[in-house]
Amino acid sequence: MIILKSSSEIEDMRKAGSIVAAFHQAIADMIRPGVTTLDIESFAVRFLKENGARAYTMGYNGYPFATCASVNDVIAHGFPNRKPLKEGDIVTIDIVAEADGWIGDSAWSYAVGEVSDEARKLMQVTKECLYLGIEKAVVGNRIGDVMHAVQTHAERNGFSVVRDLLGHGVGREMHEEPNYPHVGKPGKGFRLKEGMVFTIEPMLNAGAPYMTIDADGWTARTADGSLSVQYEHTIAITADGPIILTAQ
């Protein structure tokens, strides 16, 4: 069942969203060659606590960290570690904060120093896909309209869309109904209604859309070793258009 939020509940969700947005703004300046994803993890734990939030993913289904840190060919759910980031890497940091009982969820990809032209284009196109999807997230449209915009822009630029990891509803839990891939056909899927709150989080690969899972049971990486990028916002559907609750 899709849980619709009232306007006051959507306002209450802004706190968690703003904390997540502030976190991403803060780490943008610290991501550089030599920094480890475990450094970012440690900062995240402190940052959330200092801002009155809780790291929702820590302990979620056994996941041990406050962040997911996905480098280069890792699509999502990578474990933070002590390996220094190097010039030319791409790292995606995904964080979920709980504040006053509500969730904010956002992932962002970062260039480590100077990256290749292919990596730069992949980052740019993925970000464009996110905002093209948000533009279509209006009352009366269907989820297929949203994801068709994502898919066609990605494929037009020579990239593939990961199908096996899904967008999801957000509220008092990180994963609420509905769930959906980031591909679609116009006029298909559930209709968007005022009060829906969910993520748009396209994951684009430079190669094929397929993925494998590491032995840790979490880390999803491209099956062909190609680069992967993700940008994610939590949005609310209102009569006046979509509101980005995790805007930076």
Protein backbone atom coordinates (compact mmCIF):
# COMPACT_ATOMS: atom_id res chain seq x y z
CA MET A 1 0.00 0.00 0.00
CA ILE A 2 1.30 3.45 -0.94
CA ILE A 3 1.17 5.76 2.10
CA LEU A 4 0.19 9.31 1.13
CA LYS A 5 1.63 12.11 3.29
CA SER A 6 -0.24 15.23 4.33
CA SER A 7 1.25 18.64 3.63
CA SER A 8 2.26 18.94 7.29
CA GLU A 9 3.96 15.54 7.20
CA ILE A 10 5.87 16.55 4.09
CA GLU A 11 7.00 19.66 5.95
CA ASP A 12 8.12 17.44 8.84
CA MET A 13 10.21 15.39 6.39
CA ARG A 14 12.20 18.45 5.37
CA LYS A 15 14.43 18.20 8.47
CA ALA A 16 15.86 14.81 7.55
CA GLY A 17 16.15 15.90 3.92
CA SER A 18 17.98 19.09 4.80
CA ILE A 19 20.44 17.20 7.01
CA VAL A 20 21.23 14.82 4.17
CA ALA A 21 21.66 17.76 1.78
CA ALA A 22 23.99 19.54 4.22
CA PHE A 23 26.05 16.36 4.59
CA HIS A 24 26.57 16.13 0.85
CA GLN A 25 27.59 19.77 0.69
CA ALA A 26 30.10 19.18 3.47
CA ILE A 27 31.79 16.13 1.95
CA ALA A 28 32.12 17.72 -1.48
CA ASP A 29 35.09 19.66 -0.11
CA MET A 30 36.75 16.69 1.59
CA ILE A 31 36.67 14.22 -1.32
CA ARG A 32 40.12 14.28 -2.92
CA PRO A 33 42.98 11.88 -3.62
CA GLY A 34 44.25 10.27 -0.43
CA VAL A 35 40.99 10.42 1.51
CA THR A 36 39.42 7.05 2.34
CA THR A 37 35.77 6.16 2.24
CA LEU A 38 36.15 5.16 5.89
CA ASP A 39 37.17 8.78 6.60
CA ILE A 40 33.89 9.87 4.99
CA GLU A 41 32.02 7.25 7.02
CA SER A 42 33.49 8.53 10.28
CA PHE A 43 32.58 12.10 9.33
CA ALA A 44 29.02 10.97 8.52
CA VAL A 45 28.51 9.38 11.92
CA ARG A 46 29.66 12.56 13.68
CA PHE A 47 27.72 14.86 11.35
CA LEU A 48 24.41 13.07 11.81
CA LYS A 49 24.76 12.96 15.58
CA GLU A 50 25.68 16.65 15.78
CA ASN A 51 22.63 17.54 13.69
CA GLY A 52 20.12 15.53 15.69
CA ALA A 53 19.75 12.66 13.25
CA ARG A 54 20.36 8.93 13.24
CA ALA A 55 22.14 6.84 10.63
CA TYR A 56 19.22 4.72 9.46
CA THR A 57 21.25 2.16 7.52
CA MET A 58 23.54 1.23 10.41
CA GLY A 59 22.23 -2.21 11.39
CA TYR A 60 19.52 -2.23 8.69
CA ASN A 61 19.23 -5.91 7.68
CA GLY A 62 22.73 -6.33 9.06
CA TYR A 63 24.34 -3.51 7.07
CA PRO A 64 27.20 -2.23 9.28
CA PHE A 65 27.71 1.36 8.13
CA ALA A 66 26.09 4.79 8.07
CA THR A 67 27.00 5.28 4.40
CA CYS A 68 27.33 3.28 1.24
CA ALA A 69 30.54 4.12 -0.61
CA SER A 70 30.67 2.90 -4.21
CA VAL A 71 33.86 3.44 -6.22
CA ASN A 72 34.19 3.19 -10.03
CA ASP A 73 32.58 -0.11 -11.09
CA VAL A 74 30.57 -0.45 -7.87
CA ILE A 75 26.97 0.52 -8.60
CA ALA A 76 25.65 0.68 -5.04
CA HIS A 77 25.93 -0.59 -1.45
CA GLY A 78 29.72 -0.59 -1.33
CA PHE A 79 31.33 -0.88 2.12
CA PRO A 80 33.49 2.03 3.29
CA ASN A 81 37.11 0.94 3.63
CA ARG A 82 40.68 2.12 4.27
CA LYS A 83 41.79 2.19 0.62
CA PRO A 84 42.72 5.78 -0.33
CA LEU A 85 40.77 7.31 -3.19
CA LYS A 86 43.01 8.09 -6.14
CA GLU A 87 43.06 10.66 -8.92
CA GLY A 88 40.48 9.80 -11.55
CA ASP A 89 38.17 7.75 -9.33
CA ILE A 90 34.43 8.27 -9.10
CA VAL A 91 32.87 7.67 -5.70
CA THR A 92 29.15 7.59 -4.93
CA ILE A 93 28.16 8.27 -1.33
CA ASP A 94 24.65 7.24 -0.31
CA ILE A 95 23.29 8.25 3.09
CA VAL A 96 19.94 7.83 4.83
CA ALA A 97 19.15 10.00 7.85
CA GLU A 98 16.29 9.64 10.29
CA ALA A 99 15.21 12.80 12.11
CA ASP A 100 12.08 13.11 14.26
CA GLY A 101 10.88 9.79 12.92
CA TRP A 102 11.13 10.71 9.22
CA ILE A 103 13.61 9.62 6.55
CA GLY A 104 15.79 11.55 4.09
CA ASP A 105 17.65 9.55 1.43
CA SER A 106 20.12 10.86 -1.14
CA ALA A 107 23.11 9.55 -3.08
CA TRP A 108 25.60 11.71 -4.98
CA SER A 109 28.57 10.89 -7.18
CA TYR A 110 31.85 12.78 -6.86
CA ALA A 111 34.89 13.09 -9.08
CA VAL A 112 38.18 12.50 -7.27
CA GLY A 113 40.52 15.06 -8.81
CA GLU A 114 40.49 15.07 -12.59
CA VAL A 115 38.51 12.24 -14.19
CA SER A 116 38.36 10.93 -17.76
CA ASP A 117 36.12 12.48 -20.40
CA GLU A 118 33.96 9.34 -20.33
CA ALA A 119 33.55 9.57 -16.56
CA ARG A 120 32.74 13.27 -16.73
CA LYS A 121 30.08 12.65 -19.40
CA LEU A 122 28.60 9.75 -17.43
CA MET A 123 28.29 11.95 -14.35
CA GLN A 124 26.72 14.80 -16.30
CA VAL A 125 24.19 12.61 -18.13
CA THR A 126 23.18 10.76 -14.96
CA LYS A 127 22.53 14.03 -13.17
CA GLU A 128 20.51 15.24 -16.17
CA CYS A 129 18.49 12.00 -16.03
CA LEU A 130 17.66 12.67 -12.37
CA TYR A 131 16.29 16.14 -13.06
CA LEU A 132 14.48 15.11 -16.25
CA GLY A 133 12.71 12.46 -14.19
CA ILE A 134 11.82 14.98 -11.49
CA GLU A 135 10.32 17.30 -14.11
CA LYS A 136 7.89 14.53 -15.09
CA ALA A 137 6.95 13.74 -11.48
CA VAL A 138 3.68 15.66 -11.43
CA VAL A 139 0.16 14.78 -10.33
CA GLY A 140 -1.61 12.77 -13.03
CA ASN A 141 1.47 11.40 -14.74
CA ARG A 142 2.43 7.76 -14.35
CA ILE A 143 5.73 6.39 -13.12
CA GLY A 144 6.37 5.15 -16.66
CA ASP A 145 6.37 8.77 -17.85
CA VAL A 146 9.02 9.62 -15.26
CA MET A 147 11.28 6.69 -15.99
CA HIS A 148 10.86 6.89 -19.76
CA ALA A 149 12.46 10.34 -19.54
CA VAL A 150 15.33 8.85 -17.55
CA GLN A 151 15.84 5.87 -19.82
CA THR A 152 15.66 7.64 -23.16
CA HIS A 153 18.14 10.35 -22.14
CA ALA A 154 20.59 7.75 -20.81
CA GLU A 155 20.40 5.52 -23.86
CA ARG A 156 20.51 8.44 -26.28
CA ASN A 157 23.88 9.30 -24.79
CA GLY A 158 25.24 5.76 -25.05
CA PHE A 159 24.77 4.63 -21.43
CA SER A 160 22.65 1.88 -19.88
CA VAL A 161 20.25 2.03 -16.93
CA VAL A 162 20.56 -0.49 -14.10
CA ARG A 163 17.28 -2.39 -13.81
CA ASP A 164 17.90 -4.63 -10.80
CA LEU A 165 18.09 -1.88 -8.15
CA LEU A 166 14.89 0.06 -7.58
CA GLY A 167 13.52 3.41 -6.55
CA HIS A 168 11.17 3.31 -3.58
CA GLY A 169 8.71 5.14 -1.41
CA VAL A 170 10.07 7.03 1.62
CA GLY A 171 8.42 8.03 4.89
CA ARG A 172 8.88 6.70 8.37
CA GLU A 173 10.71 3.78 6.79
CA MET A 174 13.48 3.90 4.21
CA HIS A 175 11.74 1.43 1.91
CA GLU A 176 7.99 1.90 1.52
CA GLU A 177 5.72 1.08 -1.38
CA PRO A 178 5.97 1.55 -4.31
CA ASN A 179 9.11 0.04 -5.85
CA TYR A 180 10.04 0.55 -9.51
CA PRO A 181 12.96 0.35 -11.95
CA HIS A 182 14.36 3.43 -13.71
CA VAL A 183 13.11 2.35 -17.11
CA GLY A 184 9.56 2.66 -18.35
CA LYS A 185 6.99 3.34 -21.02
CA PRO A 186 4.79 6.44 -21.18
CA GLY A 187 1.36 5.93 -19.71
CA LYS A 188 2.33 2.77 -17.81
CA GLY A 189 2.66 2.06 -14.10
CA PHE A 190 1.04 3.65 -11.08
CA ARG A 191 -0.41 7.15 -11.33
CA LEU A 192 1.26 9.89 -9.32
CA LYS A 193 -0.91 11.39 -6.59
CA GLU A 194 -0.55 14.34 -4.28
CA GLY A 195 1.16 13.21 -1.07
CA MET A 196 3.39 10.54 -2.56
CA VAL A 197 7.01 10.70 -1.40
CA PHE A 198 9.61 8.58 -3.17
CA THR A 199 13.12 8.50 -4.58
CA ILE A 200 14.33 9.06 -8.08
CA GLU A 201 17.81 7.55 -8.21
CA PRO A 202 19.05 6.60 -11.68
CA MET A 203 22.12 4.38 -11.79
CA LEU A 204 23.81 4.55 -15.17
CA ASN A 205 26.59 2.29 -16.43
CA ALA A 206 29.13 3.12 -19.11
CA GLY A 207 28.74 -0.47 -20.33
CA ALA A 208 25.94 -3.03 -20.04
CA PRO A 209 23.18 -2.71 -17.41
CA TYR A 210 23.96 -6.01 -15.71
CA MET A 211 25.40 -6.41 -12.22
CA THR A 212 26.91 -8.91 -9.83
CA ILE A 213 26.91 -9.04 -6.02
CA ASP A 214 30.16 -9.50 -4.09
CA ALA A 215 30.70 -12.18 -1.46
CA ASP A 216 29.76 -9.66 1.27
CA GLY A 217 26.16 -9.95 0.09
CA TRP A 218 25.80 -6.19 -0.42
CA THR A 219 28.27 -4.69 -2.90
CA ALA A 220 26.66 -4.45 -6.36
CA ARG A 221 29.06 -3.87 -9.23
CA THR A 222 28.88 -3.77 -13.01
CA ALA A 223 29.17 -7.24 -14.54
CA ASP A 224 31.55 -5.99 -17.22
CA GLY A 225 33.73 -3.80 -14.99
CA SER A 226 32.50 -0.55 -16.52
CA LEU A 227 32.04 2.69 -14.58
CA SER A 228 28.75 3.38 -12.79
CA VAL A 229 27.28 6.64 -11.47
CA GLN A 230 24.20 7.43 -9.36
CA TYR A 231 22.38 10.58 -8.30
CA GLU A 232 19.38 10.36 -5.97
CA HIS A 233 16.87 12.74 -4.44
CA THR A 234 13.85 12.16 -2.22
CA ILE A 235 10.89 14.04 -3.70
CA ALA A 236 7.32 14.81 -2.66
CA ILE A 237 4.43 15.07 -5.13
CA THR A 238 2.30 18.17 -4.51
CA ALA A 239 -0.44 20.00 -6.38
CA ASP A 240 2.14 22.67 -7.23
CA GLY A 241 4.66 20.21 -8.62
CA PRO A 242 7.45 18.06 -7.19
CA ILE A 243 9.38 19.22 -4.13
CA ILE A 244 12.95 18.01 -3.71
CA LEU A 245 13.26 17.25 -0.01
CA THR A 246 17.00 16.53 -0.24
CA ALA A 247 17.95 19.53 -2.39
CA GLN A 248 21.52 20.78 -1.99
